């Protein structure tokens, strides 16, 4: 998300109250119809809308990843069920053949065969064969029972996995709706800006970025460490994507969202990492900000809803938000939650 907490401006927008009814998304933090807004207030509301959109994007990506894994699991379970059913058919045939053979051979106890036979040794051999046949039949029956239990287990697992898949698809639909609502509301808000107001927004944003960069330098921000070989490859990949558009849910090759860019950068470096900024923060090793090096990922905001890849000299490359392109920015231009390193 490209939601910087911009500096307070002094331009007022008398149209702000009328906008609420026009963008029509009650859940997307609409403007209050209580009078004119400063430009900074409008920008803050844009920030909130795009932040909400990016949180929903992370939810969407997470649900998509789960759905893909669950689909593969359902397919594997269905194949397993087919294999078990085929094996059961074979075992049923074996059990039937064994039962018929035992019926034809009779069921007298082995000791009576020996006593009544004119050839005791032959009778003993026959008895041994009968015993072996009975043991084989018992083995087949036991295997049949086990396979039937296995089949029942696989069917139950498939049913449960299908239910989870259905829930993941529902989560995807709901997240997609939230994303679209927030983006529509933000774009309608931005569309009401006249050229002078747009110019003022750009000017204040540039001031904010410059201030963030100076703050980083004054604070002695890290970044002097040398990149690893994999880190250099990840940075090189990110640089090659500069100028491509932000599209929510995208992970290349022609567009990206923030975590789509970072996950693909590290995949190109030979180190697959989690797909979303939240799981990147949760699962990758944390490092101190003062130890940051090119290739590390900078995670932003308390909910870990945005991420960029550190490229050195206090800068990141990131996919900012809808309507923007992949670009460089000061690493401290947004509220830093922490730093993670995929190749510790």
C-alpha atoms as a PDB file:
ATOM      1  CA  UNK A   1       0.000   0.000   0.000  1.00  0.00           C
ATOM      2  CA  UNK A   2       1.270   3.452  -0.842  1.00  0.00           C
ATOM      3  CA  UNK A   3      -0.536   5.081   2.036  1.00  0.00           C
ATOM      4  CA  UNK A   4       1.842   7.624   3.517  1.00  0.00           C
ATOM      5  CA  UNK A   5       0.625   9.691   6.438  1.00  0.00           C
ATOM      6  CA  UNK A   6       0.969  12.988   4.616  1.00  0.00           C
ATOM      7  CA  UNK A   7       1.785  16.361   6.156  1.00  0.00           C
ATOM      8  CA  UNK A   8      -1.118  18.675   6.970  1.00  0.00           C
ATOM      9  CA  UNK A   9      -2.060  20.935   4.062  1.00  0.00           C
ATOM     10  CA  UNK A  10      -4.140  24.094   4.052  1.00  0.00           C
ATOM     11  CA  UNK A  11      -6.176  23.705   0.865  1.00  0.00           C
ATOM     12  CA  UNK A  12      -9.897  23.220   1.590  1.00  0.00           C
ATOM     13  CA  UNK A  13     -12.354  21.285  -0.541  1.00  0.00           C
ATOM     14  CA  UNK A  14     -15.938  22.481  -0.407  1.00  0.00           C
ATOM     15  CA  UNK A  15     -17.094  19.521  -2.448  1.00  0.00           C
ATOM     16  CA  UNK A  16     -16.171  16.960   0.204  1.00  0.00           C
ATOM     17  CA  UNK A  17     -19.634  16.694   1.754  1.00  0.00           C
ATOM     18  CA  UNK A  18     -21.353  16.032  -1.547  1.00  0.00           C
ATOM     19  CA  UNK A  19     -18.930  13.243  -2.354  1.00  0.00           C
ATOM     20  CA  UNK A  20     -20.227  10.929   0.361  1.00  0.00           C
ATOM     21  CA  UNK A  21     -23.483  10.253  -1.410  1.00  0.00           C
ATOM     22  CA  UNK A  22     -21.741   9.800  -4.734  1.00  0.00           C
ATOM     23  CA  UNK A  23     -19.203   7.092  -3.925  1.00  0.00           C
ATOM     24  CA  UNK A  24     -21.856   5.076  -2.082  1.00  0.00           C
ATOM     25  CA  UNK A  25     -19.649   2.745  -0.021  1.00  0.00           C
ATOM     26  CA  UNK A  26     -20.756   3.126   3.571  1.00  0.00           C
ATOM     27  CA  UNK A  27     -18.172   0.724   4.928  1.00  0.00           C
ATOM     28  CA  UNK A  28     -15.236   2.511   3.328  1.00  0.00           C
ATOM     29  CA  UNK A  29     -14.834   5.337   5.850  1.00  0.00           C
ATOM     30  CA  UNK A  30     -16.722   8.073   3.913  1.00  0.00           C
ATOM     31  CA  UNK A  31     -16.127  11.782   4.387  1.00  0.00           C
ATOM     32  CA  UNK A  32     -18.201  13.443   7.054  1.00  0.00           C
ATOM     33  CA  UNK A  33     -20.736  15.931   5.627  1.00  0.00           C
ATOM     34  CA  UNK A  34     -19.887  18.499   8.268  1.00  0.00           C
ATOM     35  CA  UNK A  35     -18.124  21.154   6.231  1.00  0.00           C
ATOM     36  CA  UNK A  36     -15.072  21.681   4.040  1.00  0.00           C
ATOM     37  CA  UNK A  37     -12.059  19.424   4.375  1.00  0.00           C
ATOM     38  CA  UNK A  38      -8.431  20.370   4.205  1.00  0.00           C
ATOM     39  CA  UNK A  39      -6.428  18.729   1.486  1.00  0.00           C
ATOM     40  CA  UNK A  40      -4.520  16.818   4.144  1.00  0.00           C
ATOM     41  CA  UNK A  41      -7.766  15.408   5.533  1.00  0.00           C
ATOM     42  CA  UNK A  42      -8.807  14.234   2.095  1.00  0.00           C
ATOM     43  CA  UNK A  43      -5.399  12.636   1.609  1.00  0.00           C
ATOM     44  CA  UNK A  44      -5.705  10.937   4.976  1.00  0.00           C
ATOM     45  CA  UNK A  45      -9.033   9.461   3.931  1.00  0.00           C
ATOM     46  CA  UNK A  46      -7.478   8.299   0.672  1.00  0.00           C
ATOM     47  CA  UNK A  47      -4.765   6.693   2.771  1.00  0.00           C
ATOM     48  CA  UNK A  48      -7.347   4.824   4.801  1.00  0.00           C
ATOM     49  CA  UNK A  49      -9.209   3.638   1.715  1.00  0.00           C
ATOM     50  CA  UNK A  50      -6.080   2.315   0.039  1.00  0.00           C
ATOM     51  CA  UNK A  51      -4.872   0.785   3.298  1.00  0.00           C
ATOM     52  CA  UNK A  52      -8.172  -1.071   3.658  1.00  0.00           C
ATOM     53  CA  UNK A  53      -7.872  -2.194   0.035  1.00  0.00           C
ATOM     54  CA  UNK A  54      -4.412  -3.599   0.669  1.00  0.00           C
ATOM     55  CA  UNK A  55      -5.498  -5.426   3.823  1.00  0.00           C
ATOM     56  CA  UNK A  56      -8.301  -6.978   1.769  1.00  0.00           C
ATOM     57  CA  UNK A  57      -5.755  -7.815  -0.944  1.00  0.00           C
ATOM     58  CA  UNK A  58      -3.653  -9.729   1.587  1.00  0.00           C
ATOM     59  CA  UNK A  59      -6.802 -11.577   2.659  1.00  0.00           C
ATOM     60  CA  UNK A  60      -7.594 -12.340  -0.975  1.00  0.00           C
ATOM     61  CA  UNK A  61      -4.084 -13.601  -1.690  1.00  0.00           C
ATOM     62  CA  UNK A  62      -4.119 -15.743   1.448  1.00  0.00           C
ATOM     63  CA  UNK A  63      -7.491 -17.255   0.516  1.00  0.00           C
ATOM     64  CA  UNK A  64      -6.253 -17.869  -3.040  1.00  0.00           C
ATOM     65  CA  UNK A  65      -3.162 -19.660  -1.768  1.00  0.00           C
ATOM     66  CA  UNK A  66      -5.268 -21.818   0.542  1.00  0.00           C
ATOM     67  CA  UNK A  67      -7.724 -22.605  -2.249  1.00  0.00           C
ATOM     68  CA  UNK A  68      -4.909 -23.739  -4.550  1.00  0.00           C
ATOM     69  CA  UNK A  69      -3.489 -26.069  -1.898  1.00  0.00           C
ATOM     70  CA  UNK A  70      -6.948 -27.383  -1.028  1.00  0.00           C
ATOM     71  CA  UNK A  71      -7.750 -28.021  -4.702  1.00  0.00           C
ATOM     72  CA  UNK A  72      -4.559 -30.052  -5.050  1.00  0.00           C
ATOM     73  CA  UNK A  73      -5.413 -31.946  -1.857  1.00  0.00           C
ATOM     74  CA  UNK A  74      -8.947 -32.709  -3.090  1.00  0.00           C
ATOM     75  CA  UNK A  75      -7.544 -33.967  -6.405  1.00  0.00           C
ATOM     76  CA  UNK A  76      -5.016 -36.168  -4.597  1.00  0.00           C
ATOM     77  CA  UNK A  77      -7.729 -37.562  -2.315  1.00  0.00           C
ATOM     78  CA  UNK A  78      -9.986 -38.335  -5.270  1.00  0.00           C
ATOM     79  CA  UNK A  79      -7.144 -40.201  -6.984  1.00  0.00           C
ATOM     80  CA  UNK A  80      -6.440 -42.058  -3.746  1.00  0.00           C
ATOM     81  CA  UNK A  81     -10.108 -43.028  -3.446  1.00  0.00           C
ATOM     82  CA  UNK A  82     -10.034 -44.419  -7.002  1.00  0.00           C
ATOM     83  CA  UNK A  83      -6.919 -46.450  -6.186  1.00  0.00           C
ATOM     84  CA  UNK A  84      -8.470 -47.830  -2.993  1.00  0.00           C
ATOM     85  CA  UNK A  85     -11.707 -48.731  -4.791  1.00  0.00           C
ATOM     86  CA  UNK A  86      -9.712 -50.540  -7.498  1.00  0.00           C
ATOM     87  CA  UNK A  87      -7.744 -52.439  -4.858  1.00  0.00           C
ATOM     88  CA  UNK A  88     -10.977 -53.347  -3.053  1.00  0.00           C
ATOM     89  CA  UNK A  89     -12.390 -54.811  -6.264  1.00  0.00           C
ATOM     90  CA  UNK A  90      -9.259 -56.943  -6.657  1.00  0.00           C
ATOM     91  CA  UNK A  91      -9.366 -58.079  -3.023  1.00  0.00           C
ATOM     92  CA  UNK A  92     -13.058 -58.957  -3.256  1.00  0.00           C
ATOM     93  CA  UNK A  93     -12.260 -61.154  -6.248  1.00  0.00           C
ATOM     94  CA  UNK A  94      -9.389 -62.810  -4.352  1.00  0.00           C
ATOM     95  CA  UNK A  95     -11.572 -63.377  -1.306  1.00  0.00           C
ATOM     96  CA  UNK A  96     -14.288 -64.955  -3.440  1.00  0.00           C
ATOM     97  CA  UNK A  97     -11.808 -67.259  -5.172  1.00  0.00           C
ATOM     98  CA  UNK A  98     -10.276 -68.284  -1.844  1.00  0.00           C
ATOM     99  CA  UNK A  99     -13.692 -69.030  -0.368  1.00  0.00           C
ATOM    100  CA  UNK A 100     -14.682 -71.176  -3.351  1.00  0.00           C
ATOM    101  CA  UNK A 101     -11.393 -73.087  -3.233  1.00  0.00           C
ATOM    102  CA  UNK A 102     -11.807 -73.756   0.476  1.00  0.00           C
ATOM    103  CA  UNK A 103     -15.368 -74.948  -0.088  1.00  0.00           C
ATOM    104  CA  UNK A 104     -14.263 -77.397  -2.803  1.00  0.00           C
ATOM    105  CA  UNK A 105     -11.402 -78.766  -0.690  1.00  0.00           C
ATOM    106  CA  UNK A 106     -13.717 -79.528   2.217  1.00  0.00           C
ATOM    107  CA  UNK A 107     -13.423 -78.418   5.818  1.00  0.00           C
ATOM    108  CA  UNK A 108     -12.449 -81.597   7.754  1.00  0.00           C
ATOM    109  CA  UNK A 109      -9.871 -80.982  10.453  1.00  0.00           C
ATOM    110  CA  UNK A 110      -6.308 -81.845   9.397  1.00  0.00           C
ATOM    111  CA  UNK A 111      -5.923 -84.643  12.013  1.00  0.00           C
ATOM    112  CA  UNK A 112      -8.945 -86.548  10.595  1.00  0.00           C
ATOM    113  CA  UNK A 113      -7.464 -86.375   7.100  1.00  0.00           C
ATOM    114  CA  UNK A 114      -4.326 -88.057   8.493  1.00  0.00           C
ATOM    115  CA  UNK A 115      -6.222 -90.771  10.383  1.00  0.00           C
ATOM    116  CA  UNK A 116      -8.565 -91.661   7.541  1.00  0.00           C
ATOM    117  CA  UNK A 117      -6.048 -91.503   4.714  1.00  0.00           C
ATOM    118  CA  UNK A 118      -4.263 -94.554   3.257  1.00  0.00           C
ATOM    119  CA  UNK A 119      -1.287 -92.263   2.672  1.00  0.00           C
ATOM    120  CA  UNK A 120      -0.634 -90.238   5.869  1.00  0.00           C
ATOM    121  CA  UNK A 121       2.282 -88.217   4.414  1.00  0.00           C
ATOM    122  CA  UNK A 122       0.160 -87.100   1.494  1.00  0.00           C
ATOM    123  CA  UNK A 123      -2.614 -86.239   3.899  1.00  0.00           C
ATOM    124  CA  UNK A 124      -0.202 -84.136   5.955  1.00  0.00           C
ATOM    125  CA  UNK A 125       0.885 -82.277   2.837  1.00  0.00           C
ATOM    126  CA  UNK A 126      -2.731 -81.661   1.890  1.00  0.00           C
ATOM    127  CA  UNK A 127      -3.506 -80.464   5.398  1.00  0.00           C
ATOM    128  CA  UNK A 128      -0.620 -78.015   5.249  1.00  0.00           C
ATOM    129  CA  UNK A 129      -1.949 -76.670   1.962  1.00  0.00           C
ATOM    130  CA  UNK A 130      -5.423 -76.261   3.449  1.00  0.00           C
ATOM    131  CA  UNK A 131      -3.974 -74.443   6.462  1.00  0.00           C
ATOM    132  CA  UNK A 132      -1.975 -72.151   4.189  1.00  0.00           C
ATOM    133  CA  UNK A 133      -5.103 -71.501   2.124  1.00  0.00           C
ATOM    134  CA  UNK A 134      -7.056 -70.626   5.267  1.00  0.00           C
ATOM    135  CA  UNK A 135      -4.312 -68.273   6.417  1.00  0.00           C
ATOM    136  CA  UNK A 136      -4.259 -66.631   2.992  1.00  0.00           C
ATOM    137  CA  UNK A 137      -8.022 -66.194   3.112  1.00  0.00           C
ATOM    138  CA  UNK A 138      -7.796 -64.655   6.579  1.00  0.00           C
ATOM    139  CA  UNK A 139      -5.115 -62.272   5.329  1.00  0.00           C
ATOM    140  CA  UNK A 140      -7.270 -61.235   2.374  1.00  0.00           C
ATOM    141  CA  UNK A 141     -10.271 -60.677   4.649  1.00  0.00           C
ATOM    142  CA  UNK A 142      -8.172 -58.574   7.052  1.00  0.00           C
ATOM    143  CA  UNK A 143      -6.772 -56.547   4.160  1.00  0.00           C
ATOM    144  CA  UNK A 144     -10.300 -56.033   2.852  1.00  0.00           C
ATOM    145  CA  UNK A 145     -11.412 -54.690   6.227  1.00  0.00           C
ATOM    146  CA  UNK A 146      -8.421 -52.342   6.390  1.00  0.00           C
ATOM    147  CA  UNK A 147      -8.989 -51.084   2.859  1.00  0.00           C
ATOM    148  CA  UNK A 148     -12.662 -50.394   3.558  1.00  0.00           C
ATOM    149  CA  UNK A 149     -11.672 -48.345   6.598  1.00  0.00           C
ATOM    150  CA  UNK A 150      -9.082 -46.521   4.491  1.00  0.00           C
ATOM    151  CA  UNK A 151     -11.705 -45.779   1.850  1.00  0.00           C
ATOM    152  CA  UNK A 152     -14.087 -44.384   4.451  1.00  0.00           C
ATOM    153  CA  UNK A 153     -11.304 -42.225   5.914  1.00  0.00           C
ATOM    154  CA  UNK A 154     -10.339 -40.863   2.485  1.00  0.00           C
ATOM    155  CA  UNK A 155     -13.959 -40.015   1.691  1.00  0.00           C
ATOM    156  CA  UNK A 156     -14.345 -38.165   4.993  1.00  0.00           C
ATOM    157  CA  UNK A 157     -11.097 -36.269   4.381  1.00  0.00           C
ATOM    158  CA  UNK A 158     -12.246 -35.322   0.888  1.00  0.00           C
ATOM    159  CA  UNK A 159     -15.571 -34.053   2.224  1.00  0.00           C
ATOM    160  CA  UNK A 160     -13.833 -31.920   4.857  1.00  0.00           C
ATOM    161  CA  UNK A 161     -11.317 -30.574   2.337  1.00  0.00           C
ATOM    162  CA  UNK A 162     -14.121 -29.651  -0.052  1.00  0.00           C
ATOM    163  CA  UNK A 163     -15.826 -27.733   2.757  1.00  0.00           C
ATOM    164  CA  UNK A 164     -12.585 -25.862   3.481  1.00  0.00           C
ATOM    165  CA  UNK A 165     -12.160 -25.144  -0.228  1.00  0.00           C
ATOM    166  CA  UNK A 166     -15.686 -23.755  -0.400  1.00  0.00           C
ATOM    167  CA  UNK A 167     -14.928 -21.477   2.569  1.00  0.00           C
ATOM    168  CA  UNK A 168     -11.706 -20.257   0.947  1.00  0.00           C
ATOM    169  CA  UNK A 169     -13.580 -19.428  -2.244  1.00  0.00           C
ATOM    170  CA  UNK A 170     -16.175 -17.545  -0.191  1.00  0.00           C
ATOM    171  CA  UNK A 171     -13.374 -15.615   1.524  1.00  0.00           C
ATOM    172  CA  UNK A 172     -11.925 -14.765  -1.893  1.00  0.00           C
ATOM    173  CA  UNK A 173     -15.254 -13.402  -3.137  1.00  0.00           C
ATOM    174  CA  UNK A 174     -15.758 -11.307  -0.010  1.00  0.00           C
ATOM    175  CA  UNK A 175     -12.189  -9.942  -0.126  1.00  0.00           C
ATOM    176  CA  UNK A 176     -12.542  -9.126  -3.823  1.00  0.00           C
ATOM    177  CA  UNK A 177     -15.716  -7.179  -3.071  1.00  0.00           C
ATOM    178  CA  UNK A 178     -14.014  -5.207  -0.277  1.00  0.00           C
ATOM    179  CA  UNK A 179     -11.061  -4.391  -2.528  1.00  0.00           C
ATOM    180  CA  UNK A 180     -13.281  -3.160  -5.333  1.00  0.00           C
ATOM    181  CA  UNK A 181     -15.391  -1.058  -2.976  1.00  0.00           C
ATOM    182  CA  UNK A 182     -12.370   0.697  -1.479  1.00  0.00           C
ATOM    183  CA  UNK A 183     -10.712   1.332  -4.820  1.00  0.00           C
ATOM    184  CA  UNK A 184     -13.916   2.717  -6.353  1.00  0.00           C
ATOM    185  CA  UNK A 185     -14.413   5.031  -3.381  1.00  0.00           C
ATOM    186  CA  UNK A 186     -10.801   6.246  -3.528  1.00  0.00           C
ATOM    187  CA  UNK A 187     -10.881   6.847  -7.265  1.00  0.00           C
ATOM    188  CA  UNK A 188     -14.087   8.811  -7.035  1.00  0.00           C
ATOM    189  CA  UNK A 189     -12.533  10.898  -4.310  1.00  0.00           C
ATOM    190  CA  UNK A 190      -9.412  11.509  -6.387  1.00  0.00           C
ATOM    191  CA  UNK A 191     -11.479  12.335  -9.464  1.00  0.00           C
ATOM    192  CA  UNK A 192     -12.922  15.373  -7.686  1.00  0.00           C
ATOM    193  CA  UNK A 193      -9.509  16.982  -7.352  1.00  0.00           C
ATOM    194  CA  UNK A 194      -8.886  19.787  -9.820  1.00  0.00           C
ATOM    195  CA  UNK A 195      -5.443  20.148 -11.466  1.00  0.00           C
ATOM    196  CA  UNK A 196      -4.214  22.613  -8.854  1.00  0.00           C
ATOM    197  CA  UNK A 197      -5.205  20.315  -6.009  1.00  0.00           C
ATOM    198  CA  UNK A 198      -3.526  17.355  -7.716  1.00  0.00           C
ATOM    199  CA  UNK A 199      -0.382  19.434  -8.126  1.00  0.00           C
ATOM    200  CA  UNK A 200      -0.499  20.354  -4.429  1.00  0.00           C
ATOM    201  CA  UNK A 201      -0.870  16.704  -3.474  1.00  0.00           C
ATOM    202  CA  UNK A 202       2.202  15.795  -5.514  1.00  0.00           C
ATOM    203  CA  UNK A 203       4.162  18.685  -4.010  1.00  0.00           C
ATOM    204  CA  UNK A 204       3.350  17.714  -0.426  1.00  0.00           C
ATOM    205  CA  UNK A 205       4.131  14.068  -1.166  1.00  0.00           C
ATOM    206  CA  UNK A 206       7.547  15.048  -2.507  1.00  0.00           C
ATOM    207  CA  UNK A 207       8.176  17.126   0.633  1.00  0.00           C
ATOM    208  CA  UNK A 208       7.175  14.165   2.804  1.00  0.00           C
ATOM    209  CA  UNK A 209       9.537  11.825   0.957  1.00  0.00           C
ATOM    210  CA  UNK A 210      12.423  14.258   1.241  1.00  0.00           C
ATOM    211  CA  UNK A 211      11.786  14.704   4.962  1.00  0.00           C
ATOM    212  CA  UNK A 212      11.601  10.925   5.471  1.00  0.00           C
ATOM    213  CA  UNK A 213      14.903  10.507   3.683  1.00  0.00           C
ATOM    214  CA  UNK A 214      16.580  13.187   5.814  1.00  0.00           C
ATOM    215  CA  UNK A 215      15.155  11.643   8.989  1.00  0.00           C
ATOM    216  CA  UNK A 216      16.638   8.284   7.966  1.00  0.00           C
ATOM    217  CA  UNK A 217      20.051   9.857   7.444  1.00  0.00           C
ATOM    218  CA  UNK A 218      19.946  11.817  10.715  1.00  0.00           C
ATOM    219  CA  UNK A 219      18.878   8.753  12.669  1.00  0.00           C
ATOM    220  CA  UNK A 220      21.870   6.821  11.373  1.00  0.00           C
ATOM    221  CA  UNK A 221      19.543   4.357   9.684  1.00  0.00           C
ATOM    222  CA  UNK A 222      21.102   1.050   8.740  1.00  0.00           C
ATOM    223  CA  UNK A 223      21.785  -0.179   5.280  1.00  0.00           C
ATOM    224  CA  UNK A 224      25.563  -0.235   5.079  1.00  0.00           C
ATOM    225  CA  UNK A 225      25.752  -4.030   5.158  1.00  0.00           C
ATOM    226  CA  UNK A 226      26.737  -5.810   1.962  1.00  0.00           C
ATOM    227  CA  UNK A 227      24.023  -7.740   0.148  1.00  0.00           C
ATOM    228  CA  UNK A 228      24.210 -11.500  -0.174  1.00  0.00           C
ATOM    229  CA  UNK A 229      24.365 -13.079  -3.616  1.00  0.00           C
ATOM    230  CA  UNK A 230      20.674 -14.002  -3.408  1.00  0.00           C
ATOM    231  CA  UNK A 231      19.836 -10.519  -2.112  1.00  0.00           C
ATOM    232  CA  UNK A 232      21.525  -8.923  -5.131  1.00  0.00           C
ATOM    233  CA  UNK A 233      19.514 -11.144  -7.460  1.00  0.00           C
ATOM    234  CA  UNK A 234      16.268 -10.203  -5.690  1.00  0.00           C
ATOM    235  CA  UNK A 235      17.087  -6.489  -5.952  1.00  0.00           C
ATOM    236  CA  UNK A 236      18.017  -6.874  -9.619  1.00  0.00           C
ATOM    237  CA  UNK A 237      14.665  -8.518 -10.298  1.00  0.00           C
ATOM    238  CA  UNK A 238      12.802  -5.736  -8.477  1.00  0.00           C
ATOM    239  CA  UNK A 239      14.661  -3.075 -10.471  1.00  0.00           C
ATOM    240  CA  UNK A 240      13.671  -4.760 -13.715  1.00  0.00           C
ATOM    241  CA  UNK A 241      10.004  -4.325 -12.762  1.00  0.00           C
ATOM    242  CA  UNK A 242      10.169  -0.545 -12.227  1.00  0.00           C
ATOM    243  CA  UNK A 243       7.337   1.257 -13.979  1.00  0.00           C
ATOM    244  CA  UNK A 244       4.993  -1.728 -14.140  1.00  0.00           C
ATOM    245  CA  UNK A 245       1.512  -1.096 -12.699  1.00  0.00           C
ATOM    246  CA  UNK A 246       0.172  -2.097  -9.312  1.00  0.00           C
ATOM    247  CA  UNK A 247      -2.713  -4.541  -9.720  1.00  0.00           C
ATOM    248  CA  UNK A 248      -4.167  -6.149  -6.624  1.00  0.00           C
ATOM    249  CA  UNK A 249      -3.645  -9.910  -6.487  1.00  0.00           C
ATOM    250  CA  UNK A 250      -1.023  -9.813  -9.266  1.00  0.00           C
ATOM    251  CA  UNK A 251       2.394 -11.451  -9.073  1.00  0.00           C
ATOM    252  CA  UNK A 252       3.786 -10.756 -12.525  1.00  0.00           C
ATOM    253  CA  UNK A 253       4.971 -10.775 -15.093  1.00  0.00           C
ATOM    254  CA  UNK A 254       3.253  -7.579 -16.268  1.00  0.00           C
ATOM    255  CA  UNK A 255       1.867  -6.232 -12.987  1.00  0.00           C
ATOM    256  CA  UNK A 256       2.224  -6.807  -9.249  1.00  0.00           C
ATOM    257  CA  UNK A 257       0.824  -6.001  -5.854  1.00  0.00           C
ATOM    258  CA  UNK A 258       3.292  -5.262  -3.064  1.00  0.00           C
ATOM    259  CA  UNK A 259       3.867  -8.802  -1.818  1.00  0.00           C
ATOM    260  CA  UNK A 260       3.554 -10.218  -5.317  1.00  0.00           C
ATOM    261  CA  UNK A 261       6.641  -8.164  -6.198  1.00  0.00           C
ATOM    262  CA  UNK A 262       8.688  -9.202  -3.160  1.00  0.00           C
ATOM    263  CA  UNK A 263       7.735 -12.883  -3.374  1.00  0.00           C
ATOM    264  CA  UNK A 264       8.600 -13.023  -7.078  1.00  0.00           C
ATOM    265  CA  UNK A 265      11.864 -11.140  -6.518  1.00  0.00           C
ATOM    266  CA  UNK A 266      13.006 -13.756  -4.039  1.00  0.00           C
ATOM    267  CA  UNK A 267      11.686 -16.605  -6.186  1.00  0.00           C
ATOM    268  CA  UNK A 268      13.904 -15.247  -8.970  1.00  0.00           C
ATOM    269  CA  UNK A 269      16.792 -15.357  -6.487  1.00  0.00           C
ATOM    270  CA  UNK A 270      16.109 -19.040  -5.866  1.00  0.00           C
ATOM    271  CA  UNK A 271      14.517 -18.565  -2.434  1.00  0.00           C
ATOM    272  CA  UNK A 272      10.722 -19.010  -2.491  1.00  0.00           C
ATOM    273  CA  UNK A 273       9.023 -17.072   0.332  1.00  0.00           C
ATOM    274  CA  UNK A 274       5.412 -16.725   1.555  1.00  0.00           C
ATOM    275  CA  UNK A 275       3.005 -14.891  -0.748  1.00  0.00           C
ATOM    276  CA  UNK A 276       1.542 -12.158   1.469  1.00  0.00           C
ATOM    277  CA  UNK A 277       3.196  -9.362   3.459  1.00  0.00           C
ATOM    278  CA  UNK A 278       1.565 -10.661   6.638  1.00  0.00           C
ATOM    279  CA  UNK A 279       2.909 -14.188   6.217  1.00  0.00           C
ATOM    280  CA  UNK A 280       6.288 -12.801   5.174  1.00  0.00           C
ATOM    281  CA  UNK A 281       6.373 -10.910   8.473  1.00  0.00           C
ATOM    282  CA  UNK A 282       5.111 -13.910  10.442  1.00  0.00           C
ATOM    283  CA  UNK A 283       7.352 -16.594   8.942  1.00  0.00           C
ATOM    284  CA  UNK A 284      10.623 -15.006   7.807  1.00  0.00           C
ATOM    285  CA  UNK A 285      13.518 -14.267  10.202  1.00  0.00           C
ATOM    286  CA  UNK A 286      13.459 -10.762  11.709  1.00  0.00           C
ATOM    287  CA  UNK A 287      16.562  -8.560  11.718  1.00  0.00           C
ATOM    288  CA  UNK A 288      17.265  -5.216  13.369  1.00  0.00           C
ATOM    289  CA  UNK A 289      16.671  -2.118  11.273  1.00  0.00           C
ATOM    290  CA  UNK A 290      20.264  -1.018  11.881  1.00  0.00           C
ATOM    291  CA  UNK A 291      21.457  -4.275  10.275  1.00  0.00           C
ATOM    292  CA  UNK A 292      19.353  -3.942   7.124  1.00  0.00           C
ATOM    293  CA  UNK A 293      21.015  -4.871   3.840  1.00  0.00           C
ATOM    294  CA  UNK A 294      19.890  -4.873   0.187  1.00  0.00           C
ATOM    295  CA  UNK A 295      17.414  -7.651  -0.470  1.00  0.00           C
ATOM    296  CA  UNK A 296      15.840  -7.482   2.989  1.00  0.00           C
ATOM    297  CA  UNK A 297      12.106  -6.834   3.110  1.00  0.00           C
ATOM    298  CA  UNK A 298      10.748  -3.817   4.974  1.00  0.00           C
ATOM    299  CA  UNK A 299       7.309  -4.483   6.465  1.00  0.00           C
ATOM    300  CA  UNK A 300       4.994  -1.541   7.105  1.00  0.00           C
ATOM    301  CA  UNK A 301       2.122  -0.655   9.443  1.00  0.00           C
ATOM    302  CA  UNK A 302       0.973  -2.473  12.571  1.00  0.00           C
ATOM    303  CA  UNK A 303      -1.032  -4.998  10.550  1.00  0.00           C
ATOM    304  CA  UNK A 304       1.908  -5.809   8.225  1.00  0.00           C
ATOM    305  CA  UNK A 305      -0.225  -4.761   5.266  1.00  0.00           C
ATOM    306  CA  UNK A 306       2.567  -3.430   3.032  1.00  0.00           C
ATOM    307  CA  UNK A 307       6.067  -4.527   2.059  1.00  0.00           C
ATOM    308  CA  UNK A 308       8.961  -3.268  -0.054  1.00  0.00           C
ATOM    309  CA  UNK A 309      12.404  -4.617  -0.881  1.00  0.00           C
ATOM    310  CA  UNK A 310      15.361  -2.661   0.459  1.00  0.00           C
ATOM    311  CA  UNK A 311      17.850  -1.659  -2.253  1.00  0.00           C
ATOM    312  CA  UNK A 312      20.371   0.350  -0.218  1.00  0.00           C
ATOM    313  CA  UNK A 313      20.993   4.033   0.544  1.00  0.00           C
ATOM    314  CA  UNK A 314      17.819   4.257   2.596  1.00  0.00           C
ATOM    315  CA  UNK A 315      15.505   3.321  -0.292  1.00  0.00           C
ATOM    316  CA  UNK A 316      13.084   0.553  -1.209  1.00  0.00           C
ATOM    317  CA  UNK A 317      11.411  -0.590  -4.389  1.00  0.00           C
ATOM    318  CA  UNK A 318       7.729  -1.321  -3.913  1.00  0.00           C
ATOM    319  CA  UNK A 319       4.368  -1.580  -5.642  1.00  0.00           C
ATOM    320  CA  UNK A 320       2.620   1.336  -3.881  1.00  0.00           C
ATOM    321  CA  UNK A 321      -1.121   1.074  -4.482  1.00  0.00           C
ATOM    322  CA  UNK A 322      -3.806   0.951  -7.208  1.00  0.00           C
ATOM    323  CA  UNK A 323      -3.261   3.666  -9.763  1.00  0.00           C
ATOM    324  CA  UNK A 324       0.493   3.795  -9.141  1.00  0.00           C
ATOM    325  CA  UNK A 325       3.455   1.998 -10.683  1.00  0.00           C
ATOM    326  CA  UNK A 326       6.359   0.120  -9.132  1.00  0.00           C
ATOM    327  CA  UNK A 327       8.823   2.747  -7.969  1.00  0.00           C
ATOM    328  CA  UNK A 328      11.595   3.661  -5.564  1.00  0.00           C
ATOM    329  CA  UNK A 329      10.790   5.413  -2.289  1.00  0.00           C
ATOM    330  CA  UNK A 330      12.550   6.292   0.969  1.00  0.00           C
ATOM    331  CA  UNK A 331      12.421   3.286   3.270  1.00  0.00           C
ATOM    332  CA  UNK A 332      11.102   5.501   6.079  1.00  0.00           C
ATOM    333  CA  UNK A 333       8.324   7.131   4.045  1.00  0.00           C
ATOM    334  CA  UNK A 334       5.784   4.886   5.785  1.00  0.00           C
ATOM    335  CA  UNK A 335       5.528   3.570   9.329  1.00  0.00           C
ATOM    336  CA  UNK A 336       8.010   0.700   9.573  1.00  0.00           C
ATOM    337  CA  UNK A 337       6.913  -2.382  11.497  1.00  0.00           C
ATOM    338  CA  UNK A 338      10.188  -4.234  11.022  1.00  0.00           C
ATOM    339  CA  UNK A 339      12.611  -5.944   8.670  1.00  0.00           C
ATOM    340  CA  UNK A 340      12.770  -9.587   7.575  1.00  0.00           C
ATOM    341  CA  UNK A 341      15.552 -11.442   5.798  1.00  0.00           C
ATOM    342  CA  UNK A 342      14.656 -14.383   3.534  1.00  0.00           C
ATOM    343  CA  UNK A 343      18.208 -15.743   3.317  1.00  0.00           C
ATOM    344  CA  UNK A 344      19.490 -15.807   6.886  1.00  0.00           C
END
